[in-house]
C-alpha atoms as a PDB file:
ATOM      1  CA  MET A   1      64.709 111.505 144.890  1.00  0.00           C
ATOM      2  CA  GLU A   2      63.599 112.837 140.788  1.00  0.00           C
ATOM      3  CA  PHE A   3      67.565 111.796 140.328  1.00  0.00           C
ATOM      4  CA  LEU A   4      66.646 108.278 140.961  1.00  0.00           C
ATOM      5  CA  MET A   5      63.921 107.986 139.074  1.00  0.00           C
ATOM      6  CA  TRP A   6      65.885 109.214 136.215  1.00  0.00           C
ATOM      7  CA  VAL A   7      68.629 107.017 136.191  1.00  0.00           C
ATOM      8  CA  VAL A   8      66.408 104.115 136.763  1.00  0.00           C
ATOM      9  CA  PHE A   9      64.463 105.277 133.829  1.00  0.00           C
ATOM     10  CA  VAL A  10      68.037 106.404 131.729  1.00  0.00           C
ATOM     11  CA  VAL A  11      69.927 102.760 132.196  1.00  0.00           C
ATOM     12  CA  ALA A  12      65.903 101.371 131.689  1.00  0.00           C
ATOM     13  CA  THR A  13      66.466 103.040 128.043  1.00  0.00           C
ATOM     14  CA  VAL A  14      69.591 103.179 127.522  1.00  0.00           C
ATOM     15  CA  ILE A  15      70.939  99.100 127.759  1.00  0.00           C
ATOM     16  CA  PRO A  16      68.501  97.968 125.319  1.00  0.00           C
ATOM     17  CA  MET A  17      69.194 100.857 123.235  1.00  0.00           C
ATOM     18  CA  VAL A  18      72.311 100.104 122.523  1.00  0.00           C
ATOM     19  CA  LYS A  19      71.237  96.218 121.577  1.00  0.00           C
ATOM     20  CA  LEU A  20      69.641  97.504 118.508  1.00  0.00           C
ATOM     21  CA  LEU A  21      70.704  99.899 116.865  1.00  0.00           C
ATOM     22  CA  PRO A  22      73.409  98.202 115.810  1.00  0.00           C
ATOM     23  CA  HIS A  23      69.895  95.976 113.736  1.00  0.00           C
ATOM     24  CA  PHE A  24      68.343  98.948 112.304  1.00  0.00           C
ATOM     25  CA  GLY A  25      72.224 100.489 110.729  1.00  0.00           C
ATOM     26  CA  ILE A  26      73.092 102.599 113.414  1.00  0.00           C
ATOM     27  CA  HIS A  27      76.117 102.834 115.695  1.00  0.00           C
ATOM     28  CA  GLN A  28      75.070 102.028 119.149  1.00  0.00           C
ATOM     29  CA  TYR A  29      76.716 105.728 120.448  1.00  0.00           C
ATOM     30  CA  TRP A  30      73.572 107.249 119.610  1.00  0.00           C
ATOM     31  CA  ALA A  31      71.848 105.365 122.653  1.00  0.00           C
ATOM     32  CA  ALA A  32      73.456 108.142 124.895  1.00  0.00           C
ATOM     33  CA  ALA A  33      70.868 110.491 122.988  1.00  0.00           C
ATOM     34  CA  CYS A  34      68.031 108.490 125.641  1.00  0.00           C
ATOM     35  CA  VAL A  35      69.788 110.547 128.024  1.00  0.00           C
ATOM     36  CA  ILE A  36      66.952 113.778 126.617  1.00  0.00           C
ATOM     37  CA  PRO A  37      63.501 112.660 127.333  1.00  0.00           C
ATOM     38  CA  LEU A  38      63.054 113.461 123.523  1.00  0.00           C
ATOM     39  CA  GLY A  39      66.348 111.580 122.265  1.00  0.00           C
ATOM     40  CA  VAL A  40      64.167 108.425 122.783  1.00  0.00           C
ATOM     41  CA  LEU A  41      60.984 109.542 121.512  1.00  0.00           C
ATOM     42  CA  VAL A  42      63.471 110.624 118.575  1.00  0.00           C
ATOM     43  CA  LEU A  43      65.314 107.192 117.724  1.00  0.00           C
ATOM     44  CA  LEU A  44      62.075 105.328 118.470  1.00  0.00           C
ATOM     45  CA  TRP A  45      60.660 107.486 114.878  1.00  0.00           C
ATOM     46  CA  ILE A  46      63.946 106.400 113.609  1.00  0.00           C
ATOM     47  CA  MET A  47      63.939 103.271 114.081  1.00  0.00           C
ATOM     48  CA  ALA A  48      60.545 102.605 112.820  1.00  0.00           C
ATOM     49  CA  MET A  49      61.028 104.678 109.632  1.00  0.00           C
ATOM     50  CA  LYS A  50      64.120 102.666 109.119  1.00  0.00           C
ATOM     51  CA  LEU A  51      62.106  99.117 110.170  1.00  0.00           C
ATOM     52  CA  GLN A  52      59.298 100.884 107.039  1.00  0.00           C
ATOM     53  CA  GLU A  53      62.094 101.003 104.554  1.00  0.00           C
ATOM     54  CA  MET A  54      63.059  96.798 105.757  1.00  0.00           C
ATOM     55  CA  GLU A  55      59.406  95.600 105.221  1.00  0.00           C
ATOM     56  CA  LYS A  56      59.481  96.965 101.766  1.00  0.00           C
ATOM     57  CA  ARG A  57      61.997  95.213 100.213  1.00  0.00           C
END
């Protein structure tokens, strides 16, 4: 049962990341890092830093 919950979580995070990452200048294959729970946090942090950088311009 835990495996199914993990698969649902991975699918629910990878699909949006594949679409969002290119807007921040990150290759979409980095969405595979969402397989690791900390990978999601790292990608979100990087996206937040790039968003702050975009807003300064």
